[in-house]
C-alpha atoms as a PDB file:
ATOM      1  CA  MET A   1      16.594  -7.587  23.143  1.00  0.00           C
ATOM      2  CA  LYS A   2      14.287 -10.439  24.041  1.00  0.00           C
ATOM      3  CA  ILE A   3      11.413 -11.756  21.915  1.00  0.00           C
ATOM      4  CA  LYS A   4       8.311 -12.157  24.089  1.00  0.00           C
ATOM      5  CA  ALA A   5       5.572 -12.968  21.577  1.00  0.00           C
ATOM      6  CA  ILE A   6       5.076 -14.706  18.248  1.00  0.00           C
ATOM      7  CA  ILE A   7       2.236 -13.530  15.998  1.00  0.00           C
ATOM      8  CA  PHE A   8       1.194 -15.867  13.206  1.00  0.00           C
ATOM      9  CA  ASP A   9      -0.625 -15.178   9.983  1.00  0.00           C
ATOM     10  CA  MET A  10      -3.164 -17.950   9.366  1.00  0.00           C
ATOM     11  CA  ASP A  11      -3.597 -18.970   5.696  1.00  0.00           C
ATOM     12  CA  GLY A  12      -0.416 -20.520   4.349  1.00  0.00           C
ATOM     13  CA  VAL A  13       1.235 -20.285   7.780  1.00  0.00           C
ATOM     14  CA  LEU A  14      -0.836 -22.162  10.378  1.00  0.00           C
ATOM     15  CA  ILE A  15      -3.522 -23.451   8.016  1.00  0.00           C
ATOM     16  CA  ASP A  16      -2.862 -24.850   4.543  1.00  0.00           C
ATOM     17  CA  ALA A  17      -5.882 -22.963   3.196  1.00  0.00           C
ATOM     18  CA  LYS A  18      -4.670 -21.035   0.142  1.00  0.00           C
ATOM     19  CA  ASP A  19      -6.186 -23.541  -2.257  1.00  0.00           C
ATOM     20  CA  TRP A  20      -9.456 -23.619  -0.322  1.00  0.00           C
ATOM     21  CA  HIS A  21      -9.890 -19.851  -0.658  1.00  0.00           C
ATOM     22  CA  TYR A  22      -8.915 -19.984  -4.312  1.00  0.00           C
ATOM     23  CA  GLU A  23     -11.302 -22.832  -5.099  1.00  0.00           C
ATOM     24  CA  ALA A  24     -14.187 -21.358  -3.072  1.00  0.00           C
ATOM     25  CA  LEU A  25     -13.895 -17.945  -4.742  1.00  0.00           C
ATOM     26  CA  ASN A  26     -13.791 -19.522  -8.194  1.00  0.00           C
ATOM     27  CA  GLN A  27     -16.829 -21.679  -7.361  1.00  0.00           C
ATOM     28  CA  ALA A  28     -18.726 -18.486  -6.493  1.00  0.00           C
ATOM     29  CA  LEU A  29     -17.404 -16.506  -9.495  1.00  0.00           C
ATOM     30  CA  GLU A  30     -18.170 -19.291 -11.967  1.00  0.00           C
ATOM     31  CA  LEU A  31     -21.877 -18.875 -11.198  1.00  0.00           C
ATOM     32  CA  PHE A  32     -21.535 -15.543 -13.053  1.00  0.00           C
ATOM     33  CA  GLY A  33     -19.059 -16.612 -15.735  1.00  0.00           C
ATOM     34  CA  TYR A  34     -15.845 -15.327 -14.101  1.00  0.00           C
ATOM     35  CA  THR A  35     -12.696 -17.138 -12.928  1.00  0.00           C
ATOM     36  CA  ILE A  36      -9.293 -16.246 -11.492  1.00  0.00           C
ATOM     37  CA  SER A  37      -6.361 -18.212 -12.903  1.00  0.00           C
ATOM     38  CA  ARG A  38      -3.979 -19.910 -10.476  1.00  0.00           C
ATOM     39  CA  TYR A  39      -1.159 -17.663 -11.747  1.00  0.00           C
ATOM     40  CA  ASP A  40      -3.155 -14.477 -11.051  1.00  0.00           C
ATOM     41  CA  HIS A  41      -4.129 -15.787  -7.643  1.00  0.00           C
ATOM     42  CA  LEU A  42      -0.530 -16.477  -6.649  1.00  0.00           C
ATOM     43  CA  VAL A  43       0.954 -13.319  -8.146  1.00  0.00           C
ATOM     44  CA  THR A  44      -1.766 -10.704  -7.566  1.00  0.00           C
ATOM     45  CA  PHE A  45      -4.486 -11.829  -5.189  1.00  0.00           C
ATOM     46  CA  ASP A  46      -2.668 -13.955  -2.594  1.00  0.00           C
ATOM     47  CA  GLY A  47      -3.267 -12.777   0.970  1.00  0.00           C
ATOM     48  CA  LEU A  48      -5.900 -10.164   0.089  1.00  0.00           C
ATOM     49  CA  PRO A  49      -9.392 -10.245   1.608  1.00  0.00           C
ATOM     50  CA  THR A  50     -12.244 -11.355  -0.672  1.00  0.00           C
ATOM     51  CA  LYS A  51     -13.745  -7.837  -0.767  1.00  0.00           C
ATOM     52  CA  LYS A  52     -10.475  -6.461  -2.163  1.00  0.00           C
ATOM     53  CA  LYS A  53     -10.246  -9.278  -4.746  1.00  0.00           C
ATOM     54  CA  LEU A  54     -13.774  -8.487  -5.966  1.00  0.00           C
ATOM     55  CA  GLU A  55     -12.984  -4.749  -6.222  1.00  0.00           C
ATOM     56  CA  MET A  56      -9.952  -5.609  -8.372  1.00  0.00           C
ATOM     57  CA  LEU A  57     -12.064  -7.875 -10.606  1.00  0.00           C
ATOM     58  CA  SER A  58     -14.574  -5.050 -11.093  1.00  0.00           C
ATOM     59  CA  LEU A  59     -11.799  -2.638 -12.104  1.00  0.00           C
ATOM     60  CA  GLU A  60      -9.907  -5.052 -14.342  1.00  0.00           C
ATOM     61  CA  ARG A  61     -12.606  -7.297 -15.761  1.00  0.00           C
ATOM     62  CA  GLY A  62     -15.920  -5.532 -15.331  1.00  0.00           C
ATOM     63  CA  LEU A  63     -17.428  -7.692 -12.583  1.00  0.00           C
ATOM     64  CA  PRO A  64     -20.652  -5.845 -11.641  1.00  0.00           C
ATOM     65  CA  GLN A  65     -20.329  -4.091  -8.254  1.00  0.00           C
ATOM     66  CA  GLY A  66     -23.867  -5.133  -7.375  1.00  0.00           C
ATOM     67  CA  LEU A  67     -22.806  -8.787  -7.229  1.00  0.00           C
ATOM     68  CA  HIS A  68     -20.055  -8.262  -4.623  1.00  0.00           C
ATOM     69  CA  SER A  69     -21.975  -8.947  -1.432  1.00  0.00           C
ATOM     70  CA  PHE A  70     -23.760 -11.980  -2.912  1.00  0.00           C
ATOM     71  CA  ILE A  71     -20.521 -13.494  -4.277  1.00  0.00           C
ATOM     72  CA  ASN A  72     -18.818 -12.797  -0.946  1.00  0.00           C
ATOM     73  CA  GLU A  73     -21.567 -14.625   0.978  1.00  0.00           C
ATOM     74  CA  ILE A  74     -21.533 -17.613  -1.395  1.00  0.00           C
ATOM     75  CA  LYS A  75     -17.725 -17.733  -1.269  1.00  0.00           C
ATOM     76  CA  GLN A  76     -17.803 -17.884   2.552  1.00  0.00           C
ATOM     77  CA  ILE A  77     -20.245 -20.835   2.401  1.00  0.00           C
ATOM     78  CA  TYR A  78     -17.977 -22.688  -0.051  1.00  0.00           C
ATOM     79  CA  THR A  79     -14.915 -21.860   2.100  1.00  0.00           C
ATOM     80  CA  MET A  80     -16.600 -23.306   5.191  1.00  0.00           C
ATOM     81  CA  GLN A  81     -17.358 -26.513   3.261  1.00  0.00           C
ATOM     82  CA  HIS A  82     -13.668 -26.838   2.316  1.00  0.00           C
ATOM     83  CA  VAL A  83     -12.587 -26.123   5.910  1.00  0.00           C
ATOM     84  CA  TYR A  84     -15.040 -28.616   7.321  1.00  0.00           C
ATOM     85  CA  MET A  85     -13.873 -31.369   4.965  1.00  0.00           C
ATOM     86  CA  LYS A  86     -10.115 -30.695   4.879  1.00  0.00           C
ATOM     87  CA  CYS A  87      -8.915 -28.789   7.953  1.00  0.00           C
ATOM     88  CA  LYS A  88      -7.266 -30.938  10.609  1.00  0.00           C
ATOM     89  CA  PRO A  89      -4.483 -30.692  13.199  1.00  0.00           C
ATOM     90  CA  MET A  90      -0.872 -30.796  11.960  1.00  0.00           C
ATOM     91  CA  PHE A  91       1.510 -32.473  14.379  1.00  0.00           C
ATOM     92  CA  HIS A  92       4.497 -30.180  13.770  1.00  0.00           C
ATOM     93  CA  HIS A  93       2.312 -27.105  14.502  1.00  0.00           C
ATOM     94  CA  GLN A  94       0.911 -28.662  17.683  1.00  0.00           C
ATOM     95  CA  TYR A  95       4.452 -29.480  18.765  1.00  0.00           C
ATOM     96  CA  ALA A  96       5.859 -26.026  17.916  1.00  0.00           C
ATOM     97  CA  LEU A  97       3.085 -24.019  19.574  1.00  0.00           C
ATOM     98  CA  ALA A  98       2.932 -26.234  22.671  1.00  0.00           C
ATOM     99  CA  LYS A  99       6.717 -25.990  23.149  1.00  0.00           C
ATOM    100  CA  LEU A 100       6.847 -22.210  22.557  1.00  0.00           C
ATOM    101  CA  LYS A 101       3.955 -21.612  24.952  1.00  0.00           C
ATOM    102  CA  ALA A 102       5.617 -23.822  27.581  1.00  0.00           C
ATOM    103  CA  GLU A 103       8.794 -21.739  27.181  1.00  0.00           C
ATOM    104  CA  GLY A 104       6.812 -18.624  28.091  1.00  0.00           C
ATOM    105  CA  TYR A 105       6.208 -17.022  24.701  1.00  0.00           C
ATOM    106  CA  VAL A 106       2.814 -15.406  24.153  1.00  0.00           C
ATOM    107  CA  LEU A 107       1.208 -16.592  20.892  1.00  0.00           C
ATOM    108  CA  ALA A 108      -1.279 -14.685  18.748  1.00  0.00           C
ATOM    109  CA  LEU A 109      -2.904 -14.907  15.328  1.00  0.00           C
ATOM    110  CA  ALA A 110      -3.638 -12.073  12.863  1.00  0.00           C
ATOM    111  CA  SER A 111      -5.523 -13.070   9.710  1.00  0.00           C
ATOM    112  CA  ASN A 112      -6.956 -11.297   6.663  1.00  0.00           C
ATOM    113  CA  SER A 113      -9.844 -13.814   6.771  1.00  0.00           C
ATOM    114  CA  VAL A 114     -13.265 -13.057   8.272  1.00  0.00           C
ATOM    115  CA  ARG A 115     -13.971 -14.001  11.897  1.00  0.00           C
ATOM    116  CA  ILE A 116     -16.216 -17.017  11.214  1.00  0.00           C
ATOM    117  CA  THR A 117     -13.504 -18.600   9.019  1.00  0.00           C
ATOM    118  CA  VAL A 118     -10.747 -17.827  11.554  1.00  0.00           C
ATOM    119  CA  ASP A 119     -12.717 -19.394  14.420  1.00  0.00           C
ATOM    120  CA  MET A 120     -13.655 -22.514  12.481  1.00  0.00           C
ATOM    121  CA  MET A 121     -10.128 -23.096  11.117  1.00  0.00           C
ATOM    122  CA  ILE A 122      -8.519 -22.661  14.536  1.00  0.00           C
ATOM    123  CA  GLU A 123     -11.042 -25.032  16.079  1.00  0.00           C
ATOM    124  CA  LYS A 124     -10.654 -27.705  13.364  1.00  0.00           C
ATOM    125  CA  ALA A 125      -6.843 -27.439  13.539  1.00  0.00           C
ATOM    126  CA  ASP A 126      -7.042 -27.598  17.363  1.00  0.00           C
ATOM    127  CA  LEU A 127      -4.928 -24.464  17.886  1.00  0.00           C
ATOM    128  CA  GLN A 128      -7.192 -22.344  20.115  1.00  0.00           C
ATOM    129  CA  LYS A 129      -5.598 -23.570  23.356  1.00  0.00           C
ATOM    130  CA  TYR A 130      -2.252 -22.024  22.398  1.00  0.00           C
ATOM    131  CA  LEU A 131      -3.408 -18.567  21.255  1.00  0.00           C
ATOM    132  CA  SER A 132      -3.898 -15.600  23.604  1.00  0.00           C
ATOM    133  CA  VAL A 133      -5.238 -13.239  20.921  1.00  0.00           C
ATOM    134  CA  THR A 134      -6.870 -13.930  17.529  1.00  0.00           C
ATOM    135  CA  LEU A 135      -7.668 -11.105  15.119  1.00  0.00           C
ATOM    136  CA  SER A 136      -9.650 -11.270  11.864  1.00  0.00           C
ATOM    137  CA  ASN A 137      -9.994  -8.632   9.140  1.00  0.00           C
ATOM    138  CA  GLN A 138     -13.257  -7.621  10.852  1.00  0.00           C
ATOM    139  CA  ASP A 139     -11.296  -6.445  13.907  1.00  0.00           C
ATOM    140  CA  VAL A 140      -9.543  -3.675  11.938  1.00  0.00           C
ATOM    141  CA  LYS A 141     -10.454  -0.956   9.444  1.00  0.00           C
ATOM    142  CA  LYS A 142      -7.614  -1.680   7.005  1.00  0.00           C
ATOM    143  CA  SER A 143      -6.530  -5.162   5.897  1.00  0.00           C
ATOM    144  CA  LYS A 144      -2.973  -6.230   5.101  1.00  0.00           C
ATOM    145  CA  PRO A 145      -0.762  -4.923   3.458  1.00  0.00           C
ATOM    146  CA  ASP A 146      -1.692  -2.153   5.931  1.00  0.00           C
ATOM    147  CA  PRO A 147       0.035  -2.910   9.272  1.00  0.00           C
ATOM    148  CA  GLU A 148      -3.078  -2.147  11.381  1.00  0.00           C
ATOM    149  CA  ILE A 149      -3.813  -5.795  12.265  1.00  0.00           C
ATOM    150  CA  TYR A 150      -0.265  -6.294  13.559  1.00  0.00           C
ATOM    151  CA  THR A 151      -0.100  -3.006  15.467  1.00  0.00           C
ATOM    152  CA  THR A 152      -3.486  -3.924  17.002  1.00  0.00           C
ATOM    153  CA  ALA A 153      -2.266  -7.414  17.988  1.00  0.00           C
ATOM    154  CA  ILE A 154       0.929  -5.986  19.518  1.00  0.00           C
ATOM    155  CA  ALA A 155      -1.124  -3.416  21.491  1.00  0.00           C
ATOM    156  CA  ARG A 156      -3.553  -6.140  22.687  1.00  0.00           C
ATOM    157  CA  LEU A 157      -0.588  -8.128  23.963  1.00  0.00           C
ATOM    158  CA  GLY A 158       0.674  -5.035  25.790  1.00  0.00           C
ATOM    159  CA  LEU A 159       4.038  -5.231  24.043  1.00  0.00           C
ATOM    160  CA  LYS A 160       6.303  -3.160  21.805  1.00  0.00           C
ATOM    161  CA  PRO A 161       6.894  -4.100  18.120  1.00  0.00           C
ATOM    162  CA  GLU A 162      10.503  -5.049  18.837  1.00  0.00           C
ATOM    163  CA  ASP A 163       9.268  -7.636  21.388  1.00  0.00           C
ATOM    164  CA  CYS A 164       7.390  -9.535  18.678  1.00  0.00           C
ATOM    165  CA  LEU A 165       8.267 -12.001  15.920  1.00  0.00           C
ATOM    166  CA  ILE A 166       5.727 -12.138  13.070  1.00  0.00           C
ATOM    167  CA  VAL A 167       5.451 -15.264  10.902  1.00  0.00           C
ATOM    168  CA  GLU A 168       4.242 -14.523   7.355  1.00  0.00           C
ATOM    169  CA  ASP A 169       4.265 -16.174   3.945  1.00  0.00           C
ATOM    170  CA  ASN A 170       2.997 -13.741   1.265  1.00  0.00           C
ATOM    171  CA  GLN A 171       4.002 -10.285   0.059  1.00  0.00           C
ATOM    172  CA  ASN A 172       0.964  -8.452   1.449  1.00  0.00           C
ATOM    173  CA  GLY A 173       1.494  -9.957   4.890  1.00  0.00           C
ATOM    174  CA  ILE A 174       5.244  -9.353   4.809  1.00  0.00           C
ATOM    175  CA  LYS A 175       4.668  -5.652   3.980  1.00  0.00           C
ATOM    176  CA  ALA A 176       2.228  -5.400   6.903  1.00  0.00           C
ATOM    177  CA  ALA A 177       4.610  -7.163   9.293  1.00  0.00           C
ATOM    178  CA  LEU A 178       7.609  -4.979   8.412  1.00  0.00           C
ATOM    179  CA  ALA A 179       5.538  -1.773   8.520  1.00  0.00           C
ATOM    180  CA  SER A 180       4.381  -2.647  12.050  1.00  0.00           C
ATOM    181  CA  GLY A 181       7.978  -2.535  13.291  1.00  0.00           C
ATOM    182  CA  GLY A 182       7.962  -6.189  14.384  1.00  0.00           C
ATOM    183  CA  HIS A 183      10.602  -8.760  13.455  1.00  0.00           C
ATOM    184  CA  LEU A 184       9.847 -11.083  10.542  1.00  0.00           C
ATOM    185  CA  LEU A 185      10.157 -14.797   9.904  1.00  0.00           C
ATOM    186  CA  GLN A 186       9.242 -15.398   6.264  1.00  0.00           C
ATOM    187  CA  VAL A 187       8.066 -18.929   5.459  1.00  0.00           C
ATOM    188  CA  LYS A 188       7.253 -20.585   2.139  1.00  0.00           C
ATOM    189  CA  ASP A 189       4.272 -22.551   3.434  1.00  0.00           C
ATOM    190  CA  VAL A 190       2.814 -24.390   6.450  1.00  0.00           C
ATOM    191  CA  HIS A 191       5.631 -26.974   6.386  1.00  0.00           C
ATOM    192  CA  ASP A 192       8.199 -24.239   7.139  1.00  0.00           C
ATOM    193  CA  VAL A 193       6.433 -23.332  10.379  1.00  0.00           C
ATOM    194  CA  THR A 194       8.444 -25.567  12.700  1.00  0.00           C
ATOM    195  CA  TYR A 195       9.740 -25.159  16.245  1.00  0.00           C
ATOM    196  CA  ASN A 196      13.350 -25.179  14.995  1.00  0.00           C
ATOM    197  CA  ASN A 197      12.785 -22.485  12.348  1.00  0.00           C
ATOM    198  CA  ILE A 198      11.024 -20.209  14.845  1.00  0.00           C
ATOM    199  CA  HIS A 199      13.560 -20.886  17.589  1.00  0.00           C
ATOM    200  CA  ASN A 200      16.510 -20.234  15.239  1.00  0.00           C
ATOM    201  CA  ARG A 201      15.019 -16.920  14.067  1.00  0.00           C
ATOM    202  CA  ILE A 202      14.459 -15.799  17.682  1.00  0.00           C
ATOM    203  CA  HIS A 203      18.074 -16.711  18.489  1.00  0.00           C
ATOM    204  CA  GLU A 204      19.276 -14.758  15.420  1.00  0.00           C
ATOM    205  CA  ILE A 205      17.318 -11.624  16.452  1.00  0.00           C
ATOM    206  CA  GLU A 206      18.446 -11.768  20.081  1.00  0.00           C
ATOM    207  CA  ALA A 207      22.079 -12.414  19.135  1.00  0.00           C
ATOM    208  CA  ALA A 208      22.089  -9.399  16.804  1.00  0.00           C
ATOM    209  CA  SER A 209      20.777  -6.913  19.393  1.00  0.00           C
END
């Protein structure tokens, strides 16, 4: 078996954006007297789209449904401010993606974030030149932990799940990756996403087949 493509999650994998999303959502929620604790964010909300987080807050803490679209819009504005100020290229990602692409691997991105955030983060991190396909949560009906975004990416690449290695960091993404039938490289954070770690995992998969 030969790995032909690597599909990356974005937040926490290629972009160190978990805190930005957390801070932006809290900035928007605080306008209405709500907050999400860091513990709850890490344990419950990590990797979910904003819409899903707001639905959970309505169920658990009585956030009025009528505020969802407004909070979502404000949160996106705050997120873009964080991205604009903080997002920049990371050398070890540039090195890893450039080397993998030069070796003939096809590279793609599949994110639970909305398209405008995906495009801006990729541009600010200077990653667009390496990626053949980029998918946002607006390109699918069901967000992670549903595997739809990964099955869609694999289909767009014209490959089979077993041809693909998926790089993920949180439980919702890991569930989606495994359910898609692709191989998994689980990372702790952006610093784990190195050429050596990816290369070693590919070698492990190919040696085992």
